[in-house]
């Protein structure tokens, strides 16, 4: 599941677009008391069975990218297994895959 937020608006007459996304800081991994969140090869994964739904990983990255669903499932950006769908979906190519110049 990809989790990102795009904010757009006008500042001094110019359109400004800002994105909030997982930057792999691993704060959520360190904050998880059960070890349910792991990082491997530049991707995060969640073992939902191990997740205690405590919310500590959500609080560790306070920008609203990591969150608990209404059913208590932890939602975190897994970068779509290395092929982020947000990159292919974006009609204006404003989102780029890490390391991509275009």
N, C-alpha and C. Protein backbone atom coordinates (compact mmCIF):
# COMPACT_ATOMS: atom_id res chain seq x y z
N UNK A 1 0.84 -1.17 0.00
CA UNK A 1 0.00 0.00 0.00
C UNK A 1 0.89 1.23 0.00
N UNK A 2 0.63 2.13 -0.90
CA UNK A 2 1.34 3.40 -0.94
C UNK A 2 0.60 4.41 -0.08
N UNK A 3 1.33 5.12 0.70
CA UNK A 3 0.75 6.16 1.54
C UNK A 3 1.53 7.43 1.33
N UNK A 4 0.90 8.40 0.70
CA UNK A 4 1.54 9.68 0.52
C UNK A 4 0.45 10.74 0.51
N UNK A 5 0.87 11.97 0.75
CA UNK A 5 -0.05 13.10 0.71
C UNK A 5 0.55 14.16 -0.18
N UNK A 6 -0.27 14.71 -1.04
CA UNK A 6 0.16 15.79 -1.91
C UNK A 6 -0.67 17.02 -1.53
N UNK A 7 0.01 18.11 -1.25
CA UNK A 7 -0.65 19.37 -0.91
C UNK A 7 -0.33 20.36 -2.02
N UNK A 8 -1.36 21.06 -2.49
CA UNK A 8 -1.12 22.09 -3.49
C UNK A 8 -1.89 23.34 -3.13
N UNK A 9 -1.36 24.44 -3.54
CA UNK A 9 -2.02 25.71 -3.28
C UNK A 9 -1.21 26.84 -3.88
N UNK A 10 -1.74 28.01 -3.78
CA UNK A 10 -1.06 29.17 -4.36
C UNK A 10 -0.40 29.99 -3.27
N UNK A 11 0.84 30.35 -3.51
CA UNK A 11 1.59 31.22 -2.64
C UNK A 11 2.15 32.35 -3.49
N UNK A 12 1.75 33.56 -3.18
CA UNK A 12 2.19 34.74 -3.93
C UNK A 12 1.94 34.59 -5.43
N UNK A 13 0.80 33.98 -5.76
CA UNK A 13 0.41 33.83 -7.16
C UNK A 13 0.97 32.62 -7.88
N UNK A 14 1.88 31.89 -7.26
CA UNK A 14 2.48 30.71 -7.90
C UNK A 14 1.91 29.43 -7.29
N UNK A 15 1.66 28.46 -8.15
CA UNK A 15 1.20 27.15 -7.68
C UNK A 15 2.37 26.44 -7.01
N UNK A 16 2.15 26.00 -5.78
CA UNK A 16 3.17 25.29 -5.03
C UNK A 16 2.62 23.91 -4.68
N UNK A 17 3.40 22.89 -4.98
CA UNK A 17 3.00 21.51 -4.69
C UNK A 17 4.04 20.91 -3.76
N UNK A 18 3.56 20.34 -2.65
CA UNK A 18 4.45 19.70 -1.69
C UNK A 18 3.95 18.27 -1.45
N UNK A 19 4.89 17.38 -1.32
CA UNK A 19 4.54 15.99 -1.05
C UNK A 19 5.08 15.53 0.29
N UNK A 20 4.32 14.69 0.94
CA UNK A 20 4.77 14.02 2.16
C UNK A 20 4.73 12.53 1.86
N UNK A 21 5.85 11.86 2.09
CA UNK A 21 5.95 10.46 1.74
C UNK A 21 6.96 9.79 2.66
N UNK A 22 7.00 8.50 2.62
CA UNK A 22 7.95 7.74 3.42
C UNK A 22 9.35 7.98 2.89
N UNK A 23 10.24 8.45 3.76
CA UNK A 23 11.62 8.69 3.35
C UNK A 23 12.57 7.64 3.93
N UNK A 24 12.00 6.55 4.41
CA UNK A 24 12.76 5.43 4.97
C UNK A 24 13.69 5.86 6.11
N UNK A 25 13.19 6.74 6.97
CA UNK A 25 13.98 7.16 8.13
C UNK A 25 14.07 6.04 9.17
N UNK A 26 13.18 5.08 9.09
CA UNK A 26 13.10 3.90 9.95
C UNK A 26 12.72 4.21 11.40
N UNK A 27 12.20 5.41 11.65
CA UNK A 27 11.71 5.75 12.99
C UNK A 27 10.57 4.80 13.39
N UNK A 28 9.73 4.42 12.44
CA UNK A 28 8.62 3.53 12.74
C UNK A 28 9.12 2.14 13.13
N UNK A 29 10.18 1.68 12.48
CA UNK A 29 10.77 0.37 12.79
C UNK A 29 11.29 0.38 14.22
N UNK A 30 12.01 1.45 14.56
CA UNK A 30 12.58 1.56 15.91
C UNK A 30 11.50 1.71 16.98
N UNK A 31 10.38 2.35 16.63
CA UNK A 31 9.32 2.59 17.61
C UNK A 31 8.42 1.39 17.83
N UNK A 32 8.41 0.45 16.91
CA UNK A 32 7.49 -0.68 17.00
C UNK A 32 7.95 -1.66 18.09
N UNK A 33 7.16 -1.81 19.17
CA UNK A 33 7.60 -2.66 20.28
C UNK A 33 7.52 -4.16 19.99
N UNK A 34 6.78 -4.55 18.96
CA UNK A 34 6.64 -5.98 18.66
C UNK A 34 7.49 -6.44 17.49
N UNK A 35 8.18 -5.49 16.82
CA UNK A 35 8.99 -5.86 15.66
C UNK A 35 8.17 -6.18 14.44
N UNK A 36 6.92 -5.71 14.40
CA UNK A 36 6.02 -6.01 13.28
C UNK A 36 6.42 -5.29 12.01
N UNK A 37 7.14 -4.16 12.13
CA UNK A 37 7.58 -3.41 10.96
C UNK A 37 9.05 -3.73 10.71
N UNK A 38 9.34 -4.13 9.50
CA UNK A 38 10.72 -4.45 9.14
C UNK A 38 11.10 -3.73 7.85
N UNK A 39 12.39 -3.54 7.68
CA UNK A 39 12.92 -2.89 6.48
C UNK A 39 13.91 -3.83 5.82
N UNK A 40 13.73 -4.00 4.51
CA UNK A 40 14.66 -4.85 3.75
C UNK A 40 14.71 -4.35 2.32
N UNK A 41 15.90 -4.16 1.80
CA UNK A 41 16.12 -3.75 0.40
C UNK A 41 15.36 -2.48 0.04
N UNK A 42 15.35 -1.49 0.94
CA UNK A 42 14.71 -0.21 0.65
C UNK A 42 13.20 -0.25 0.64
N UNK A 43 12.61 -1.22 1.33
CA UNK A 43 11.16 -1.35 1.38
C UNK A 43 10.75 -1.72 2.80
N UNK A 44 9.60 -1.25 3.22
CA UNK A 44 9.07 -1.59 4.54
C UNK A 44 7.97 -2.63 4.39
N UNK A 45 7.82 -3.45 5.40
CA UNK A 45 6.71 -4.39 5.42
C UNK A 45 6.19 -4.49 6.84
N UNK A 46 4.93 -4.88 6.94
CA UNK A 46 4.26 -5.01 8.24
C UNK A 46 3.72 -6.41 8.37
N UNK A 47 4.06 -7.07 9.46
CA UNK A 47 3.47 -8.36 9.80
C UNK A 47 2.24 -8.03 10.64
N UNK A 48 1.08 -8.04 10.01
CA UNK A 48 -0.15 -7.63 10.69
C UNK A 48 -0.47 -8.54 11.88
N UNK A 49 -0.04 -9.79 11.81
CA UNK A 49 -0.27 -10.72 12.93
C UNK A 49 0.48 -10.29 14.18
N UNK A 50 1.69 -9.73 13.99
CA UNK A 50 2.51 -9.29 15.12
C UNK A 50 2.16 -7.90 15.61
N UNK A 51 1.46 -7.13 14.80
CA UNK A 51 1.13 -5.74 15.14
C UNK A 51 0.13 -5.72 16.30
N UNK A 52 0.47 -4.96 17.35
CA UNK A 52 -0.42 -4.86 18.52
C UNK A 52 -1.38 -3.68 18.39
N UNK A 53 -1.30 -2.93 17.29
CA UNK A 53 -2.17 -1.79 17.03
C UNK A 53 -2.04 -0.72 18.12
N UNK A 54 -0.82 -0.59 18.67
CA UNK A 54 -0.59 0.36 19.75
C UNK A 54 -0.48 1.80 19.28
N UNK A 55 -0.12 2.01 18.02
CA UNK A 55 -0.01 3.35 17.47
C UNK A 55 1.33 4.03 17.68
N UNK A 56 2.29 3.36 18.30
CA UNK A 56 3.60 3.98 18.55
C UNK A 56 4.34 4.30 17.25
N UNK A 57 4.21 3.46 16.24
CA UNK A 57 4.88 3.74 14.97
C UNK A 57 4.22 4.92 14.26
N UNK A 58 2.92 5.06 14.45
CA UNK A 58 2.19 6.20 13.87
C UNK A 58 2.70 7.49 14.50
N UNK A 59 2.87 7.49 15.80
CA UNK A 59 3.35 8.67 16.51
C UNK A 59 4.81 8.99 16.19
N UNK A 60 5.59 7.99 15.80
CA UNK A 60 7.01 8.19 15.52
C UNK A 60 7.22 9.01 14.25
N UNK A 61 6.28 8.99 13.34
CA UNK A 61 6.38 9.77 12.11
C UNK A 61 5.09 10.57 12.00
N UNK A 62 5.05 11.77 12.57
CA UNK A 62 3.81 12.50 12.78
C UNK A 62 3.21 13.22 11.58
N UNK A 63 3.61 12.89 10.37
CA UNK A 63 3.08 13.60 9.21
C UNK A 63 1.87 12.94 8.58
N UNK A 64 1.34 11.91 9.21
CA UNK A 64 0.11 11.30 8.73
C UNK A 64 0.29 10.31 7.60
N UNK A 65 1.49 9.87 7.35
CA UNK A 65 1.71 8.92 6.27
C UNK A 65 1.49 7.50 6.78
N UNK A 66 1.90 7.23 8.00
CA UNK A 66 1.65 5.95 8.63
C UNK A 66 0.40 6.13 9.49
N UNK A 67 -0.55 5.24 9.33
CA UNK A 67 -1.74 5.36 10.17
C UNK A 67 -2.43 4.01 10.34
N UNK A 68 -3.33 3.98 11.29
CA UNK A 68 -4.13 2.79 11.53
C UNK A 68 -5.47 2.97 10.83
N UNK A 69 -5.90 1.95 10.11
CA UNK A 69 -7.21 2.01 9.46
C UNK A 69 -8.30 1.90 10.52
N UNK A 70 -9.53 2.10 10.12
CA UNK A 70 -10.64 2.00 11.07
C UNK A 70 -10.75 0.59 11.65
N UNK A 71 -10.22 -0.41 10.94
CA UNK A 71 -10.24 -1.78 11.45
C UNK A 71 -9.01 -2.12 12.29
N UNK A 72 -8.09 -1.13 12.45
CA UNK A 72 -6.91 -1.34 13.27
C UNK A 72 -5.70 -1.83 12.50
N UNK A 73 -5.82 -1.99 11.19
CA UNK A 73 -4.71 -2.46 10.36
C UNK A 73 -3.71 -1.32 10.17
N UNK A 74 -2.44 -1.60 10.37
CA UNK A 74 -1.39 -0.59 10.17
C UNK A 74 -1.15 -0.41 8.68
N UNK A 75 -1.26 0.83 8.22
CA UNK A 75 -1.05 1.16 6.82
C UNK A 75 0.24 1.95 6.69
N UNK A 76 1.14 1.45 5.88
CA UNK A 76 2.46 2.05 5.73
C UNK A 76 2.89 1.89 4.27
N UNK A 77 3.65 2.84 3.77
CA UNK A 77 4.08 2.78 2.37
C UNK A 77 5.10 1.65 2.19
N UNK A 78 4.79 0.72 1.32
CA UNK A 78 5.73 -0.37 1.03
C UNK A 78 6.40 -0.18 -0.32
N UNK A 79 6.23 1.01 -0.89
CA UNK A 79 6.80 1.38 -2.19
C UNK A 79 6.42 0.39 -3.28
N UNK A 80 5.29 -0.24 -3.08
CA UNK A 80 4.72 -1.17 -4.08
C UNK A 80 5.74 -2.19 -4.57
N UNK A 81 6.53 -2.68 -3.66
CA UNK A 81 7.51 -3.71 -4.00
C UNK A 81 8.60 -3.23 -4.94
N UNK A 82 8.91 -1.94 -4.91
CA UNK A 82 9.97 -1.39 -5.75
C UNK A 82 9.49 -0.75 -7.04
N UNK A 83 8.19 -0.86 -7.32
CA UNK A 83 7.61 -0.24 -8.51
C UNK A 83 6.42 0.62 -8.07
N UNK A 84 6.70 1.80 -7.49
CA UNK A 84 5.64 2.63 -6.91
C UNK A 84 4.55 3.01 -7.92
N UNK A 85 3.33 2.61 -7.62
CA UNK A 85 2.22 2.91 -8.51
C UNK A 85 1.94 4.40 -8.59
N UNK A 86 2.25 5.16 -7.55
CA UNK A 86 2.01 6.60 -7.58
C UNK A 86 2.83 7.25 -8.69
N UNK A 87 3.99 6.70 -8.99
CA UNK A 87 4.84 7.25 -10.06
C UNK A 87 4.16 7.06 -11.41
N UNK A 88 3.65 5.86 -11.66
CA UNK A 88 3.00 5.61 -12.95
C UNK A 88 1.63 6.28 -13.04
N UNK A 89 0.98 6.51 -11.92
CA UNK A 89 -0.34 7.11 -11.91
C UNK A 89 -0.30 8.61 -12.14
N UNK A 90 0.71 9.30 -11.67
CA UNK A 90 0.76 10.76 -11.69
C UNK A 90 0.75 11.28 -13.13
N UNK A 91 -0.31 11.98 -13.55
CA UNK A 91 -0.43 12.41 -14.94
C UNK A 91 0.55 13.51 -15.34
N UNK A 92 1.13 14.20 -14.37
CA UNK A 92 2.05 15.30 -14.68
C UNK A 92 3.50 14.96 -14.39
N UNK A 93 3.76 13.70 -14.07
CA UNK A 93 5.11 13.22 -13.77
C UNK A 93 5.78 14.03 -12.65
N UNK A 94 4.96 14.46 -11.70
CA UNK A 94 5.48 15.23 -10.56
C UNK A 94 6.11 14.31 -9.52
N UNK A 95 5.74 13.04 -9.55
CA UNK A 95 6.31 12.07 -8.62
C UNK A 95 7.30 11.22 -9.38
N UNK A 96 8.49 11.12 -8.87
CA UNK A 96 9.56 10.37 -9.53
C UNK A 96 10.00 9.21 -8.66
N UNK A 97 10.41 8.14 -9.29
CA UNK A 97 10.99 7.02 -8.59
C UNK A 97 12.39 7.42 -8.13
N UNK A 98 12.74 7.05 -6.91
CA UNK A 98 14.04 7.41 -6.36
C UNK A 98 15.15 7.00 -7.33
N UNK A 99 16.06 7.94 -7.59
CA UNK A 99 17.17 7.68 -8.48
C UNK A 99 16.86 7.94 -9.93
N UNK A 100 15.62 8.33 -10.24
CA UNK A 100 15.22 8.59 -11.61
C UNK A 100 15.37 10.08 -11.93
N UNK A 101 15.99 10.38 -13.04
CA UNK A 101 16.20 11.78 -13.43
C UNK A 101 14.99 12.33 -14.17
N UNK A 102 14.16 11.47 -14.69
CA UNK A 102 13.00 11.94 -15.45
C UNK A 102 11.71 11.54 -14.80
